Amino acid sequence: MGCSAKREVEEGMEEGVHESERMHESKGLVHESESEPNLAGNSSGFNISAVYKDETEAYECFCTYAHDNGFTVRKDHHSFWPNSRKIKSKDFVCSKAGFKKSDDHNSGKRKRFTRPVVRTGCPAMARLVTDEDGYWHVKRFIESHNHELASPAD
């Protein structure tokens, strides 16, 4: 399907929105927005002003960005709209985010294969939220990693 947003948020699209409400706050490598972002892109190559038609398209786009920058992605936390089973937001995180759960059930006599620990608590993530029309917007984007990145050729 590719990584092309179905529509771009343009300045002045909605009437009655003050310029201060449209500002996109940017602190270091963390990008957050309370309203719809209005950027043409950022230095990372991931277009945080893009609007996606569904979760699959947003995930494919973030996976493409991740591959080009030397890391892999997994789906993490999600939340639902109140009194509904419709997803309100979803987090796409670096595959090294968080830490491995403790393995208490392996205390028996039987030997089990243990996988190597690869999670480093990496903070890199993208949080996407849905609007009332069902489109997905980037609400939060953290592009910093706390581990080595693979080269895109790998």
C-alpha atoms as a PDB file:
ATOM      1  CA  MET A   1       0.000   0.000   0.000  1.00  0.00           C
ATOM      2  CA  GLY A   2       2.930   2.354   0.659  1.00  0.00           C
ATOM      3  CA  CYS A   3       3.404   5.219   3.028  1.00  0.00           C
ATOM      4  CA  SER A   4       1.327   8.073   1.707  1.00  0.00           C
ATOM      5  CA  ALA A   5      -1.064   9.938   3.947  1.00  0.00           C
ATOM      6  CA  LYS A   6      -4.527  10.372   2.482  1.00  0.00           C
ATOM      7  CA  ARG A   7      -4.719  14.042   3.354  1.00  0.00           C
ATOM      8  CA  GLU A   8      -2.435  16.685   4.800  1.00  0.00           C
ATOM      9  CA  VAL A   9      -3.502  19.121   7.478  1.00  0.00           C
ATOM     10  CA  GLU A  10      -3.257  22.595   5.991  1.00  0.00           C
ATOM     11  CA  GLU A  11      -3.130  25.915   7.797  1.00  0.00           C
ATOM     12  CA  GLY A  12      -6.498  27.617   7.924  1.00  0.00           C
ATOM     13  CA  MET A  13      -8.492  24.462   7.205  1.00  0.00           C
ATOM     14  CA  GLU A  14     -10.793  24.935  10.170  1.00  0.00           C
ATOM     15  CA  GLU A  15     -12.475  28.238  10.864  1.00  0.00           C
ATOM     16  CA  GLY A  16     -12.329  29.722  14.348  1.00  0.00           C
ATOM     17  CA  VAL A  17      -9.056  28.034  15.339  1.00  0.00           C
ATOM     18  CA  HIS A  18      -6.570  30.446  16.877  1.00  0.00           C
ATOM     19  CA  GLU A  19      -2.966  30.354  15.681  1.00  0.00           C
ATOM     20  CA  SER A  20      -1.776  29.633  19.239  1.00  0.00           C
ATOM     21  CA  GLU A  21      -3.956  26.496  19.290  1.00  0.00           C
ATOM     22  CA  ARG A  22      -2.414  25.314  16.030  1.00  0.00           C
ATOM     23  CA  MET A  23       1.169  25.678  17.246  1.00  0.00           C
ATOM     24  CA  HIS A  24       3.115  22.460  17.399  1.00  0.00           C
ATOM     25  CA  GLU A  25       5.177  22.212  20.560  1.00  0.00           C
ATOM     26  CA  SER A  26       8.649  20.859  20.066  1.00  0.00           C
ATOM     27  CA  LYS A  27      11.056  20.206  22.941  1.00  0.00           C
ATOM     28  CA  GLY A  28      14.293  18.500  22.005  1.00  0.00           C
ATOM     29  CA  LEU A  29      13.459  15.223  20.338  1.00  0.00           C
ATOM     30  CA  VAL A  30       9.949  14.948  21.770  1.00  0.00           C
ATOM     31  CA  HIS A  31       7.105  16.299  19.654  1.00  0.00           C
ATOM     32  CA  GLU A  32       3.645  16.651  21.191  1.00  0.00           C
ATOM     33  CA  SER A  33       0.476  18.267  19.963  1.00  0.00           C
ATOM     34  CA  GLU A  34      -2.831  18.874  21.689  1.00  0.00           C
ATOM     35  CA  SER A  35      -4.507  19.882  18.439  1.00  0.00           C
ATOM     36  CA  GLU A  36      -3.891  18.873  14.854  1.00  0.00           C
ATOM     37  CA  PRO A  37      -0.221  19.392  13.961  1.00  0.00           C
ATOM     38  CA  ASN A  38       0.630  21.811  11.185  1.00  0.00           C
ATOM     39  CA  LEU A  39       4.140  20.908  10.070  1.00  0.00           C
ATOM     40  CA  ALA A  40       5.497  20.040   6.680  1.00  0.00           C
ATOM     41  CA  GLY A  41       7.693  17.423   8.327  1.00  0.00           C
ATOM     42  CA  ASN A  42      10.720  17.356  10.591  1.00  0.00           C
ATOM     43  CA  SER A  43      14.396  16.510  10.433  1.00  0.00           C
ATOM     44  CA  SER A  44      13.770  12.835  11.196  1.00  0.00           C
ATOM     45  CA  GLY A  45      11.990  12.065   7.931  1.00  0.00           C
ATOM     46  CA  PHE A  46       8.773  10.936   9.656  1.00  0.00           C
ATOM     47  CA  ASN A  47       5.937  13.255   8.679  1.00  0.00           C
ATOM     48  CA  ILE A  48       4.175  14.002  11.949  1.00  0.00           C
ATOM     49  CA  SER A  49       1.596  16.214  10.252  1.00  0.00           C
ATOM     50  CA  ALA A  50       0.313  13.362   8.092  1.00  0.00           C
ATOM     51  CA  VAL A  51      -3.202  12.022   8.525  1.00  0.00           C
ATOM     52  CA  TYR A  52      -3.785   8.312   7.890  1.00  0.00           C
ATOM     53  CA  LYS A  53      -7.007   6.620   6.831  1.00  0.00           C
ATOM     54  CA  ASP A  54      -6.545   3.651   9.183  1.00  0.00           C
ATOM     55  CA  GLU A  55      -4.247   2.048  11.740  1.00  0.00           C
ATOM     56  CA  THR A  56      -2.683  -0.307   9.183  1.00  0.00           C
ATOM     57  CA  GLU A  57      -1.555   2.532   6.941  1.00  0.00           C
ATOM     58  CA  ALA A  58      -0.070   4.431   9.905  1.00  0.00           C
ATOM     59  CA  TYR A  59       1.746   1.306  11.123  1.00  0.00           C
ATOM     60  CA  GLU A  60       3.177   0.567   7.663  1.00  0.00           C
ATOM     61  CA  CYS A  61       4.400   4.148   7.368  1.00  0.00           C
ATOM     62  CA  PHE A  62       6.079   4.052  10.796  1.00  0.00           C
ATOM     63  CA  CYS A  63       7.640   0.656   9.983  1.00  0.00           C
ATOM     64  CA  THR A  64       9.077   2.105   6.763  1.00  0.00           C
ATOM     65  CA  TYR A  65      10.495   5.052   8.713  1.00  0.00           C
ATOM     66  CA  ALA A  66      11.944   2.643  11.308  1.00  0.00           C
ATOM     67  CA  HIS A  67      13.558   0.426   8.674  1.00  0.00           C
ATOM     68  CA  ASP A  68      15.162   3.453   7.007  1.00  0.00           C
ATOM     69  CA  ASN A  69      16.570   4.545  10.377  1.00  0.00           C
ATOM     70  CA  GLY A  70      17.847   1.180  11.637  1.00  0.00           C
ATOM     71  CA  PHE A  71      15.320  -0.107  14.151  1.00  0.00           C
ATOM     72  CA  THR A  72      12.202  -2.255  14.260  1.00  0.00           C
ATOM     73  CA  VAL A  73       8.736  -1.481  15.611  1.00  0.00           C
ATOM     74  CA  ARG A  74       6.091  -3.236  17.646  1.00  0.00           C
ATOM     75  CA  LYS A  75       2.583  -2.262  18.704  1.00  0.00           C
ATOM     76  CA  ASP A  76       2.247  -1.430  22.377  1.00  0.00           C
ATOM     77  CA  HIS A  77      -0.404   0.237  24.535  1.00  0.00           C
ATOM     78  CA  HIS A  78      -3.813   1.174  23.163  1.00  0.00           C
ATOM     79  CA  SER A  79      -6.876   2.854  24.647  1.00  0.00           C
ATOM     80  CA  PHE A  80     -10.562   2.780  23.806  1.00  0.00           C
ATOM     81  CA  TRP A  81     -13.250   5.442  23.607  1.00  0.00           C
ATOM     82  CA  PRO A  82     -15.461   5.396  26.744  1.00  0.00           C
ATOM     83  CA  ASN A  83     -18.402   2.980  26.570  1.00  0.00           C
ATOM     84  CA  SER A  84     -17.137   1.597  23.280  1.00  0.00           C
ATOM     85  CA  ARG A  85     -14.729  -0.954  21.860  1.00  0.00           C
ATOM     86  CA  LYS A  86     -13.462   1.509  19.238  1.00  0.00           C
ATOM     87  CA  ILE A  87      -9.757   2.247  19.569  1.00  0.00           C
ATOM     88  CA  LYS A  88      -8.981   5.844  20.556  1.00  0.00           C
ATOM     89  CA  SER A  89      -5.175   5.738  20.510  1.00  0.00           C
ATOM     90  CA  LYS A  90      -2.367   3.330  19.792  1.00  0.00           C
ATOM     91  CA  ASP A  91       1.365   3.428  20.552  1.00  0.00           C
ATOM     92  CA  PHE A  92       3.968   2.179  18.101  1.00  0.00           C
ATOM     93  CA  VAL A  93       7.270   1.725  19.929  1.00  0.00           C
ATOM     94  CA  CYS A  94      10.837   0.691  19.200  1.00  0.00           C
ATOM     95  CA  SER A  95      11.164  -3.073  19.608  1.00  0.00           C
ATOM     96  CA  LYS A  96      13.699  -2.422  22.387  1.00  0.00           C
ATOM     97  CA  ALA A  97      11.218  -0.369  24.446  1.00  0.00           C
ATOM     98  CA  GLY A  98      10.403  -1.551  27.944  1.00  0.00           C
ATOM     99  CA  PHE A  99      11.990  -4.428  29.825  1.00  0.00           C
ATOM    100  CA  LYS A 100      11.476  -8.189  29.846  1.00  0.00           C
ATOM    101  CA  LYS A 101       9.007  -9.529  32.409  1.00  0.00           C
ATOM    102  CA  SER A 102      10.476 -11.648  35.192  1.00  0.00           C
ATOM    103  CA  ASP A 103      10.365 -15.362  34.459  1.00  0.00           C
ATOM    104  CA  ASP A 104       9.055 -16.785  37.766  1.00  0.00           C
ATOM    105  CA  HIS A 105       7.462 -19.886  36.240  1.00  0.00           C
ATOM    106  CA  ASN A 106      10.881 -21.279  35.232  1.00  0.00           C
ATOM    107  CA  SER A 107      11.843 -22.243  38.800  1.00  0.00           C
ATOM    108  CA  GLY A 108      10.903 -25.914  38.275  1.00  0.00           C
ATOM    109  CA  LYS A 109      13.304 -28.774  37.587  1.00  0.00           C
ATOM    110  CA  ARG A 110      12.721 -28.762  33.860  1.00  0.00           C
ATOM    111  CA  LYS A 111      15.235 -26.758  31.835  1.00  0.00           C
ATOM    112  CA  ARG A 112      13.756 -24.268  29.401  1.00  0.00           C
ATOM    113  CA  PHE A 113      15.291 -22.296  26.598  1.00  0.00           C
ATOM    114  CA  THR A 114      15.806 -18.692  27.641  1.00  0.00           C
ATOM    115  CA  ARG A 115      15.866 -15.979  25.038  1.00  0.00           C
ATOM    116  CA  PRO A 116      18.513 -13.288  25.246  1.00  0.00           C
ATOM    117  CA  VAL A 117      17.496  -9.979  26.796  1.00  0.00           C
ATOM    118  CA  VAL A 118      17.168  -7.372  24.038  1.00  0.00           C
ATOM    119  CA  ARG A 119      14.971  -4.698  25.605  1.00  0.00           C
ATOM    120  CA  THR A 120      16.774  -1.604  26.826  1.00  0.00           C
ATOM    121  CA  GLY A 121      13.917   0.678  27.870  1.00  0.00           C
ATOM    122  CA  CYS A 122      14.191   2.672  24.641  1.00  0.00           C
ATOM    123  CA  PRO A 123      11.927   5.760  24.706  1.00  0.00           C
ATOM    124  CA  ALA A 124      11.386   6.028  20.914  1.00  0.00           C
ATOM    125  CA  MET A 125       7.689   5.895  20.030  1.00  0.00           C
ATOM    126  CA  ALA A 126       4.806   7.351  18.071  1.00  0.00           C
ATOM    127  CA  ARG A 127       1.335   7.754  19.597  1.00  0.00           C
ATOM    128  CA  LEU A 128      -1.513   8.010  17.124  1.00  0.00           C
ATOM    129  CA  VAL A 129      -5.079   9.034  17.958  1.00  0.00           C
ATOM    130  CA  THR A 130      -8.289   8.828  15.968  1.00  0.00           C
ATOM    131  CA  ASP A 131     -10.564  11.755  15.274  1.00  0.00           C
ATOM    132  CA  GLU A 132     -14.349  11.694  14.973  1.00  0.00           C
ATOM    133  CA  ASP A 133     -14.052  10.881  11.252  1.00  0.00           C
ATOM    134  CA  GLY A 134     -11.884   7.816  11.919  1.00  0.00           C
ATOM    135  CA  TYR A 135      -8.629   9.333  10.628  1.00  0.00           C
ATOM    136  CA  TRP A 136      -5.388   8.733  12.545  1.00  0.00           C
ATOM    137  CA  HIS A 137      -3.158  11.666  13.615  1.00  0.00           C
ATOM    138  CA  VAL A 138       0.273  11.649  15.268  1.00  0.00           C
ATOM    139  CA  LYS A 139      -0.181  13.067  18.777  1.00  0.00           C
ATOM    140  CA  ARG A 140       3.238  12.296  20.240  1.00  0.00           C
ATOM    141  CA  PHE A 141       6.523  11.396  18.588  1.00  0.00           C
ATOM    142  CA  ILE A 142       9.817  10.651  20.365  1.00  0.00           C
ATOM    143  CA  GLU A 143      12.689   9.964  18.007  1.00  0.00           C
ATOM    144  CA  SER A 144      15.585   9.458  20.464  1.00  0.00           C
ATOM    145  CA  HIS A 145      16.962   5.964  21.126  1.00  0.00           C
ATOM    146  CA  ASN A 146      19.173   4.725  23.973  1.00  0.00           C
ATOM    147  CA  HIS A 147      20.881   1.987  21.945  1.00  0.00           C
ATOM    148  CA  GLU A 148      22.857   1.505  18.750  1.00  0.00           C
ATOM    149  CA  LEU A 149      20.866   1.606  15.527  1.00  0.00           C
ATOM    150  CA  ALA A 150      21.482  -0.781  12.650  1.00  0.00           C
ATOM    151  CA  SER A 151      22.535   0.621   9.315  1.00  0.00           C
ATOM    152  CA  PRO A 152      19.634   0.757   6.820  1.00  0.00           C
ATOM    153  CA  ALA A 153      21.510  -1.715   4.590  1.00  0.00           C
ATOM    154  CA  ASP A 154      21.333  -4.459   7.281  1.00  0.00           C
END
